[in-house]
């Protein structure tokens, strides 16, 4: 398994929502049935996605987790994304590809009761991937010209292959670190696990933060993850990030 060699090492990974028009519509639909969902009516949201220990590199496993209520495999969606790696004071060191694997059947339950369903839907061993390499911000001539694709191979056959343009986003990537901080301070009180992120002594997101920037591609039910799927996120600029889907119980990686 290949891992991106970040200059400072990966301290934390944070995901964001509502940054692309396509995913905004899909996420609003997902959470609209649950009026208690913390982000059902918000124009921006973030969530803790884990650390180096939770995430895979190119060639590693994406793991499907079990629904804690039933013991059955949850429904999972792959989310092909661009990710931004931060240095000191939110300086953008570079970008790479990412797959924000999400247990969507858990995520839609929101923050009901004492259970943080967003955390359960986003963080476990093998809950996502990043790679295959880090491209410096200076080497990207135009971020708006970047396209991100995703290909799903199932039983040896390509069953899904589509791309989206980064230009479809509804906010500038450079604004996202400060938006995360603003949202964090807006919660107050005791934060749920899905909202706990790491800051430096000056109040910036810690150097070594990887931000998964949201997706402009949402798959329908027939393309939800199945054990054995090979999912490849690709881009002309960044190459290919390829992972095979496994059952977390088979690998002993539920948590």
C-alpha atoms as a PDB file:
ATOM      1  CA  UNK A   1       0.000   0.000   0.000  1.00  0.00           C
ATOM      2  CA  UNK A   2       1.316   3.415  -0.949  1.00  0.00           C
ATOM      3  CA  UNK A   3       0.799   6.411   1.307  1.00  0.00           C
ATOM      4  CA  UNK A   4       1.330  10.042   0.468  1.00  0.00           C
ATOM      5  CA  UNK A   5       4.471  11.338   2.166  1.00  0.00           C
ATOM      6  CA  UNK A   6       3.258  14.607   3.642  1.00  0.00           C
ATOM      7  CA  UNK A   7       5.975  17.093   4.660  1.00  0.00           C
ATOM      8  CA  UNK A   8       4.803  17.262   8.277  1.00  0.00           C
ATOM      9  CA  UNK A   9       2.887  14.013   8.486  1.00  0.00           C
ATOM     10  CA  UNK A  10      -0.879  13.712   8.651  1.00  0.00           C
ATOM     11  CA  UNK A  11      -2.235  14.996  11.980  1.00  0.00           C
ATOM     12  CA  UNK A  12      -5.960  14.855  11.243  1.00  0.00           C
ATOM     13  CA  UNK A  13      -8.397  14.547   8.379  1.00  0.00           C
ATOM     14  CA  UNK A  14     -11.505  16.727   8.198  1.00  0.00           C
ATOM     15  CA  UNK A  15     -14.315  16.421   5.677  1.00  0.00           C
ATOM     16  CA  UNK A  16     -16.681  19.156   4.568  1.00  0.00           C
ATOM     17  CA  UNK A  17     -20.190  19.105   3.144  1.00  0.00           C
ATOM     18  CA  UNK A  18     -22.269  21.356   0.913  1.00  0.00           C
ATOM     19  CA  UNK A  19     -19.303  22.566  -1.143  1.00  0.00           C
ATOM     20  CA  UNK A  20     -20.628  21.280  -4.480  1.00  0.00           C
ATOM     21  CA  UNK A  21     -24.062  21.840  -5.994  1.00  0.00           C
ATOM     22  CA  UNK A  22     -24.641  18.140  -6.750  1.00  0.00           C
ATOM     23  CA  UNK A  23     -23.760  16.873  -3.287  1.00  0.00           C
ATOM     24  CA  UNK A  24     -25.674  19.711  -1.617  1.00  0.00           C
ATOM     25  CA  UNK A  25     -28.880  18.530  -3.273  1.00  0.00           C
ATOM     26  CA  UNK A  26     -28.182  14.903  -2.395  1.00  0.00           C
ATOM     27  CA  UNK A  27     -27.201  15.593   1.214  1.00  0.00           C
ATOM     28  CA  UNK A  28     -30.224  17.826   1.784  1.00  0.00           C
ATOM     29  CA  UNK A  29     -32.456  15.036   0.522  1.00  0.00           C
ATOM     30  CA  UNK A  30     -30.673  12.488   2.725  1.00  0.00           C
ATOM     31  CA  UNK A  31     -31.126  14.513   5.911  1.00  0.00           C
ATOM     32  CA  UNK A  32     -34.478  16.173   5.216  1.00  0.00           C
ATOM     33  CA  UNK A  33     -36.457  13.251   6.617  1.00  0.00           C
ATOM     34  CA  UNK A  34     -34.726  13.733   9.968  1.00  0.00           C
ATOM     35  CA  UNK A  35     -35.583  17.186  11.279  1.00  0.00           C
ATOM     36  CA  UNK A  36     -33.132  16.653  14.116  1.00  0.00           C
ATOM     37  CA  UNK A  37     -30.167  16.166  11.824  1.00  0.00           C
ATOM     38  CA  UNK A  38     -27.612  18.821  12.724  1.00  0.00           C
ATOM     39  CA  UNK A  39     -26.816  19.827   9.141  1.00  0.00           C
ATOM     40  CA  UNK A  40     -30.169  19.364   7.404  1.00  0.00           C
ATOM     41  CA  UNK A  41     -30.706  23.096   6.870  1.00  0.00           C
ATOM     42  CA  UNK A  42     -27.133  24.417   6.870  1.00  0.00           C
ATOM     43  CA  UNK A  43     -25.147  25.869   3.938  1.00  0.00           C
ATOM     44  CA  UNK A  44     -21.856  24.473   5.245  1.00  0.00           C
ATOM     45  CA  UNK A  45     -20.773  21.699   7.571  1.00  0.00           C
ATOM     46  CA  UNK A  46     -17.633  19.846   8.552  1.00  0.00           C
ATOM     47  CA  UNK A  47     -16.870  16.574  10.292  1.00  0.00           C
ATOM     48  CA  UNK A  48     -13.862  14.834  11.751  1.00  0.00           C
ATOM     49  CA  UNK A  49     -12.800  12.049   9.383  1.00  0.00           C
ATOM     50  CA  UNK A  50      -9.986  10.470  11.350  1.00  0.00           C
ATOM     51  CA  UNK A  51      -6.211  10.249  11.341  1.00  0.00           C
ATOM     52  CA  UNK A  52      -3.523   8.384   9.476  1.00  0.00           C
ATOM     53  CA  UNK A  53      -4.594   5.233  11.348  1.00  0.00           C
ATOM     54  CA  UNK A  54      -8.142   5.329   9.948  1.00  0.00           C
ATOM     55  CA  UNK A  55      -7.325   5.988   6.315  1.00  0.00           C
ATOM     56  CA  UNK A  56      -5.825   3.889   3.527  1.00  0.00           C
ATOM     57  CA  UNK A  57      -3.427   4.805   0.772  1.00  0.00           C
ATOM     58  CA  UNK A  58      -3.409   3.758  -2.860  1.00  0.00           C
ATOM     59  CA  UNK A  59      -3.810  -0.025  -3.059  1.00  0.00           C
ATOM     60  CA  UNK A  60      -5.230  -0.337   0.465  1.00  0.00           C
ATOM     61  CA  UNK A  61      -8.633  -1.462   1.673  1.00  0.00           C
ATOM     62  CA  UNK A  62     -11.866   0.446   2.023  1.00  0.00           C
ATOM     63  CA  UNK A  63     -13.857  -1.318   4.725  1.00  0.00           C
ATOM     64  CA  UNK A  64     -17.629  -1.582   5.002  1.00  0.00           C
ATOM     65  CA  UNK A  65     -18.873  -1.307   8.560  1.00  0.00           C
ATOM     66  CA  UNK A  66     -21.844  -2.905  10.272  1.00  0.00           C
ATOM     67  CA  UNK A  67     -24.948  -1.105  11.459  1.00  0.00           C
ATOM     68  CA  UNK A  68     -24.622  -1.154  15.264  1.00  0.00           C
ATOM     69  CA  UNK A  69     -28.406  -1.487  15.564  1.00  0.00           C
ATOM     70  CA  UNK A  70     -28.804  -4.576  13.380  1.00  0.00           C
ATOM     71  CA  UNK A  71     -25.370  -6.098  12.841  1.00  0.00           C
ATOM     72  CA  UNK A  72     -25.956  -6.036   9.091  1.00  0.00           C
ATOM     73  CA  UNK A  73     -23.697  -4.261   6.622  1.00  0.00           C
ATOM     74  CA  UNK A  74     -24.611  -0.593   6.398  1.00  0.00           C
ATOM     75  CA  UNK A  75     -25.210   1.055   3.024  1.00  0.00           C
ATOM     76  CA  UNK A  76     -22.027   2.810   1.879  1.00  0.00           C
ATOM     77  CA  UNK A  77     -21.373   5.418  -0.786  1.00  0.00           C
ATOM     78  CA  UNK A  78     -17.954   6.172  -2.271  1.00  0.00           C
ATOM     79  CA  UNK A  79     -17.255   9.893  -2.587  1.00  0.00           C
ATOM     80  CA  UNK A  80     -14.453  10.919  -4.989  1.00  0.00           C
ATOM     81  CA  UNK A  81     -12.872  14.165  -3.857  1.00  0.00           C
ATOM     82  CA  UNK A  82      -9.964  16.532  -4.038  1.00  0.00           C
ATOM     83  CA  UNK A  83      -8.173  16.956  -0.711  1.00  0.00           C
ATOM     84  CA  UNK A  84      -6.146  19.932   0.512  1.00  0.00           C
ATOM     85  CA  UNK A  85      -3.139  19.589   2.822  1.00  0.00           C
ATOM     86  CA  UNK A  86      -2.402  22.476   5.182  1.00  0.00           C
ATOM     87  CA  UNK A  87       0.818  23.751   6.664  1.00  0.00           C
ATOM     88  CA  UNK A  88       1.228  26.517   9.247  1.00  0.00           C
ATOM     89  CA  UNK A  89      -1.495  29.194   9.421  1.00  0.00           C
ATOM     90  CA  UNK A  90      -3.599  27.467   6.766  1.00  0.00           C
ATOM     91  CA  UNK A  91      -0.896  27.703   4.135  1.00  0.00           C
ATOM     92  CA  UNK A  92      -1.913  25.280   1.369  1.00  0.00           C
ATOM     93  CA  UNK A  93       0.996  22.891   0.844  1.00  0.00           C
ATOM     94  CA  UNK A  94      -0.687  20.853  -1.864  1.00  0.00           C
ATOM     95  CA  UNK A  95      -3.537  18.666  -3.054  1.00  0.00           C
ATOM     96  CA  UNK A  96      -4.203  14.973  -3.579  1.00  0.00           C
ATOM     97  CA  UNK A  97      -7.122  12.694  -4.394  1.00  0.00           C
ATOM     98  CA  UNK A  98      -9.378  11.218  -1.718  1.00  0.00           C
ATOM     99  CA  UNK A  99     -12.304   8.877  -1.244  1.00  0.00           C
ATOM    100  CA  UNK A 100     -14.597   9.857   1.621  1.00  0.00           C
ATOM    101  CA  UNK A 101     -16.328   6.494   2.070  1.00  0.00           C
ATOM    102  CA  UNK A 102     -19.576   7.155   3.933  1.00  0.00           C
ATOM    103  CA  UNK A 103     -22.031   4.817   5.644  1.00  0.00           C
ATOM    104  CA  UNK A 104     -24.997   6.740   4.254  1.00  0.00           C
ATOM    105  CA  UNK A 105     -27.638   4.605   5.950  1.00  0.00           C
ATOM    106  CA  UNK A 106     -26.156   5.710   9.294  1.00  0.00           C
ATOM    107  CA  UNK A 107     -25.417   9.315   8.358  1.00  0.00           C
ATOM    108  CA  UNK A 108     -29.055  10.113   7.644  1.00  0.00           C
ATOM    109  CA  UNK A 109     -29.961   9.473  11.279  1.00  0.00           C
ATOM    110  CA  UNK A 110     -28.085  12.577  12.348  1.00  0.00           C
ATOM    111  CA  UNK A 111     -27.420  13.398  15.973  1.00  0.00           C
ATOM    112  CA  UNK A 112     -30.362  11.557  17.474  1.00  0.00           C
ATOM    113  CA  UNK A 113     -30.207  11.024  21.230  1.00  0.00           C
ATOM    114  CA  UNK A 114     -26.825  10.187  22.713  1.00  0.00           C
ATOM    115  CA  UNK A 115     -25.457   8.616  19.523  1.00  0.00           C
ATOM    116  CA  UNK A 116     -23.378  10.695  17.115  1.00  0.00           C
ATOM    117  CA  UNK A 117     -24.469   9.018  13.908  1.00  0.00           C
ATOM    118  CA  UNK A 118     -22.359  11.346  11.771  1.00  0.00           C
ATOM    119  CA  UNK A 119     -19.252  10.085  13.560  1.00  0.00           C
ATOM    120  CA  UNK A 120     -20.341   6.462  13.150  1.00  0.00           C
ATOM    121  CA  UNK A 121     -21.008   7.106   9.460  1.00  0.00           C
ATOM    122  CA  UNK A 122     -17.622   8.702   8.853  1.00  0.00           C
ATOM    123  CA  UNK A 123     -14.937   7.256  11.153  1.00  0.00           C
ATOM    124  CA  UNK A 124     -13.697   3.660  11.456  1.00  0.00           C
ATOM    125  CA  UNK A 125     -10.734   1.636  10.237  1.00  0.00           C
ATOM    126  CA  UNK A 126     -10.674   1.836   6.447  1.00  0.00           C
ATOM    127  CA  UNK A 127     -13.244   4.643   6.256  1.00  0.00           C
ATOM    128  CA  UNK A 128     -11.551   6.384   3.371  1.00  0.00           C
ATOM    129  CA  UNK A 129      -8.385   6.809   1.379  1.00  0.00           C
ATOM    130  CA  UNK A 130      -6.032   9.458   0.032  1.00  0.00           C
ATOM    131  CA  UNK A 131      -3.263   9.566  -2.546  1.00  0.00           C
ATOM    132  CA  UNK A 132      -1.548   8.579  -4.720  1.00  0.00           C
ATOM    133  CA  UNK A 133       0.763  11.596  -4.388  1.00  0.00           C
ATOM    134  CA  UNK A 134       0.790  15.195  -3.218  1.00  0.00           C
ATOM    135  CA  UNK A 135       0.840  17.855  -5.923  1.00  0.00           C
ATOM    136  CA  UNK A 136       2.005  21.264  -4.763  1.00  0.00           C
ATOM    137  CA  UNK A 137      -0.385  24.183  -5.099  1.00  0.00           C
ATOM    138  CA  UNK A 138       2.146  25.958  -7.324  1.00  0.00           C
ATOM    139  CA  UNK A 139       2.145  23.051  -9.783  1.00  0.00           C
ATOM    140  CA  UNK A 140      -1.595  23.330 -10.446  1.00  0.00           C
ATOM    141  CA  UNK A 141      -2.037  25.852 -13.225  1.00  0.00           C
ATOM    142  CA  UNK A 142      -5.786  26.255 -12.735  1.00  0.00           C
ATOM    143  CA  UNK A 143      -7.768  24.563  -9.982  1.00  0.00           C
ATOM    144  CA  UNK A 144     -10.949  25.240 -11.971  1.00  0.00           C
ATOM    145  CA  UNK A 145      -9.637  23.094 -14.830  1.00  0.00           C
ATOM    146  CA  UNK A 146      -9.235  20.018 -12.602  1.00  0.00           C
ATOM    147  CA  UNK A 147     -11.677  17.162 -13.142  1.00  0.00           C
ATOM    148  CA  UNK A 148     -12.188  14.248 -10.764  1.00  0.00           C
ATOM    149  CA  UNK A 149     -13.438  10.882 -11.950  1.00  0.00           C
ATOM    150  CA  UNK A 150     -14.515   7.651 -10.309  1.00  0.00           C
ATOM    151  CA  UNK A 151     -14.585   4.168 -11.779  1.00  0.00           C
ATOM    152  CA  UNK A 152     -16.136   1.125 -10.098  1.00  0.00           C
ATOM    153  CA  UNK A 153     -15.152  -2.360 -11.215  1.00  0.00           C
ATOM    154  CA  UNK A 154     -17.433  -5.133  -9.980  1.00  0.00           C
ATOM    155  CA  UNK A 155     -16.854  -8.797 -10.754  1.00  0.00           C
ATOM    156  CA  UNK A 156     -14.307  -7.791 -13.353  1.00  0.00           C
ATOM    157  CA  UNK A 157     -16.629  -5.399 -15.191  1.00  0.00           C
ATOM    158  CA  UNK A 158     -16.738  -1.601 -15.189  1.00  0.00           C
ATOM    159  CA  UNK A 159     -20.189  -0.775 -13.829  1.00  0.00           C
ATOM    160  CA  UNK A 160     -19.673   2.936 -13.208  1.00  0.00           C
ATOM    161  CA  UNK A 161     -17.393   5.587 -14.683  1.00  0.00           C
ATOM    162  CA  UNK A 162     -18.097   9.311 -14.449  1.00  0.00           C
ATOM    163  CA  UNK A 163     -16.321  12.615 -13.865  1.00  0.00           C
ATOM    164  CA  UNK A 164     -17.103  16.052 -12.481  1.00  0.00           C
ATOM    165  CA  UNK A 165     -15.396  19.418 -12.654  1.00  0.00           C
ATOM    166  CA  UNK A 166     -13.961  21.102  -9.583  1.00  0.00           C
ATOM    167  CA  UNK A 167     -15.359  24.345 -11.014  1.00  0.00           C
ATOM    168  CA  UNK A 168     -18.851  23.168  -9.978  1.00  0.00           C
ATOM    169  CA  UNK A 169     -18.076  24.044  -6.344  1.00  0.00           C
ATOM    170  CA  UNK A 170     -20.102  26.746  -4.611  1.00  0.00           C
ATOM    171  CA  UNK A 171     -17.303  28.185  -2.463  1.00  0.00           C
ATOM    172  CA  UNK A 172     -13.600  28.822  -2.833  1.00  0.00           C
ATOM    173  CA  UNK A 173     -11.398  26.139  -1.319  1.00  0.00           C
ATOM    174  CA  UNK A 174      -9.230  28.797   0.302  1.00  0.00           C
ATOM    175  CA  UNK A 175     -12.217  29.868   2.430  1.00  0.00           C
ATOM    176  CA  UNK A 176     -12.841  26.416   3.881  1.00  0.00           C
ATOM    177  CA  UNK A 177     -10.308  26.338   6.787  1.00  0.00           C
ATOM    178  CA  UNK A 178     -11.748  29.549   8.237  1.00  0.00           C
ATOM    179  CA  UNK A 179     -15.282  28.297   7.613  1.00  0.00           C
ATOM    180  CA  UNK A 180     -14.482  25.201   9.679  1.00  0.00           C
ATOM    181  CA  UNK A 181     -13.180  27.356  12.533  1.00  0.00           C
ATOM    182  CA  UNK A 182     -16.227  29.621  12.414  1.00  0.00           C
ATOM    183  CA  UNK A 183     -18.574  26.629  12.498  1.00  0.00           C
ATOM    184  CA  UNK A 184     -16.597  25.034  15.333  1.00  0.00           C
ATOM    185  CA  UNK A 185     -16.895  28.123  17.520  1.00  0.00           C
ATOM    186  CA  UNK A 186     -20.573  28.428  16.676  1.00  0.00           C
ATOM    187  CA  UNK A 187     -21.459  25.130  18.347  1.00  0.00           C
ATOM    188  CA  UNK A 188     -20.524  25.951  21.918  1.00  0.00           C
ATOM    189  CA  UNK A 189     -20.920  23.552  24.824  1.00  0.00           C
ATOM    190  CA  UNK A 190     -19.721  19.961  24.611  1.00  0.00           C
ATOM    191  CA  UNK A 191     -18.982  19.024  21.025  1.00  0.00           C
ATOM    192  CA  UNK A 192     -19.945  15.634  19.586  1.00  0.00           C
ATOM    193  CA  UNK A 193     -17.079  13.469  18.379  1.00  0.00           C
ATOM    194  CA  UNK A 194     -17.782  14.343  14.750  1.00  0.00           C
ATOM    195  CA  UNK A 195     -17.044  18.034  15.418  1.00  0.00           C
ATOM    196  CA  UNK A 196     -13.863  17.720  17.488  1.00  0.00           C
ATOM    197  CA  UNK A 197     -10.863  18.896  15.499  1.00  0.00           C
ATOM    198  CA  UNK A 198      -7.321  19.919  16.412  1.00  0.00           C
ATOM    199  CA  UNK A 199      -6.063  23.509  16.471  1.00  0.00           C
ATOM    200  CA  UNK A 200      -2.643  25.029  17.024  1.00  0.00           C
ATOM    201  CA  UNK A 201      -1.804  27.529  19.769  1.00  0.00           C
ATOM    202  CA  UNK A 202      -2.814  30.447  17.547  1.00  0.00           C
ATOM    203  CA  UNK A 203      -6.260  29.085  16.766  1.00  0.00           C
ATOM    204  CA  UNK A 204      -5.531  27.809  13.252  1.00  0.00           C
ATOM    205  CA  UNK A 205      -6.227  24.248  12.174  1.00  0.00           C
ATOM    206  CA  UNK A 206      -3.126  22.282  13.075  1.00  0.00           C
ATOM    207  CA  UNK A 207      -0.384  22.031  10.468  1.00  0.00           C
ATOM    208  CA  UNK A 208      -0.707  18.564   8.987  1.00  0.00           C
ATOM    209  CA  UNK A 209      -4.470  18.803   8.481  1.00  0.00           C
ATOM    210  CA  UNK A 210      -5.899  17.145   5.380  1.00  0.00           C
ATOM    211  CA  UNK A 211      -9.282  18.497   4.308  1.00  0.00           C
ATOM    212  CA  UNK A 212     -11.460  16.384   2.026  1.00  0.00           C
ATOM    213  CA  UNK A 213     -13.145  19.122   0.032  1.00  0.00           C
ATOM    214  CA  UNK A 214     -16.486  17.528  -0.808  1.00  0.00           C
ATOM    215  CA  UNK A 215     -17.687  15.790  -3.947  1.00  0.00           C
ATOM    216  CA  UNK A 216     -19.483  16.768  -7.113  1.00  0.00           C
ATOM    217  CA  UNK A 217     -20.440  13.176  -7.902  1.00  0.00           C
ATOM    218  CA  UNK A 218     -23.136  11.238  -6.036  1.00  0.00           C
ATOM    219  CA  UNK A 219     -23.899   7.622  -6.961  1.00  0.00           C
ATOM    220  CA  UNK A 220     -27.338   5.998  -7.048  1.00  0.00           C
ATOM    221  CA  UNK A 221     -28.246   2.875  -5.105  1.00  0.00           C
ATOM    222  CA  UNK A 222     -27.048   0.309  -7.623  1.00  0.00           C
ATOM    223  CA  UNK A 223     -23.521   1.701  -7.266  1.00  0.00           C
ATOM    224  CA  UNK A 224     -23.384   1.654  -3.493  1.00  0.00           C
ATOM    225  CA  UNK A 225     -20.353  -0.292  -2.333  1.00  0.00           C
ATOM    226  CA  UNK A 226     -20.211  -4.064  -2.398  1.00  0.00           C
ATOM    227  CA  UNK A 227     -17.524  -6.335  -1.014  1.00  0.00           C
ATOM    228  CA  UNK A 228     -14.992  -6.968  -3.771  1.00  0.00           C
ATOM    229  CA  UNK A 229     -15.585  -3.719  -5.662  1.00  0.00           C
ATOM    230  CA  UNK A 230     -12.455  -1.969  -6.905  1.00  0.00           C
ATOM    231  CA  UNK A 231     -12.997   1.785  -6.670  1.00  0.00           C
ATOM    232  CA  UNK A 232     -10.643   4.140  -8.456  1.00  0.00           C
ATOM    233  CA  UNK A 233     -10.658   7.910  -8.068  1.00  0.00           C
ATOM    234  CA  UNK A 234      -8.711   9.469 -10.922  1.00  0.00           C
ATOM    235  CA  UNK A 235      -7.599  12.747 -12.426  1.00  0.00           C
ATOM    236  CA  UNK A 236      -5.278  13.742 -15.258  1.00  0.00           C
ATOM    237  CA  UNK A 237      -3.310  15.910 -12.853  1.00  0.00           C
ATOM    238  CA  UNK A 238      -3.114  13.495  -9.916  1.00  0.00           C
ATOM    239  CA  UNK A 239      -3.191   9.998 -11.370  1.00  0.00           C
ATOM    240  CA  UNK A 240      -5.218   7.170  -9.798  1.00  0.00           C
ATOM    241  CA  UNK A 241      -6.202   6.300  -6.240  1.00  0.00           C
ATOM    242  CA  UNK A 242      -7.428   2.716  -6.298  1.00  0.00           C
ATOM    243  CA  UNK A 243      -8.827   0.641  -3.417  1.00  0.00           C
ATOM    244  CA  UNK A 244     -10.605  -2.667  -2.971  1.00  0.00           C
ATOM    245  CA  UNK A 245     -13.729  -2.897  -0.791  1.00  0.00           C
ATOM    246  CA  UNK A 246     -13.750  -5.387   2.084  1.00  0.00           C
ATOM    247  CA  UNK A 247     -16.042  -6.286   4.977  1.00  0.00           C
ATOM    248  CA  UNK A 248     -14.565  -4.732   8.130  1.00  0.00           C
ATOM    249  CA  UNK A 249     -15.562  -7.783  10.188  1.00  0.00           C
ATOM    250  CA  UNK A 250     -13.607 -10.089   7.877  1.00  0.00           C
ATOM    251  CA  UNK A 251     -10.522  -7.940   8.425  1.00  0.00           C
ATOM    252  CA  UNK A 252     -11.132  -7.343  12.120  1.00  0.00           C
ATOM    253  CA  UNK A 253     -11.321  -3.581  11.505  1.00  0.00           C
ATOM    254  CA  UNK A 254     -14.787  -2.526  12.635  1.00  0.00           C
ATOM    255  CA  UNK A 255     -13.552   0.208  14.951  1.00  0.00           C
END
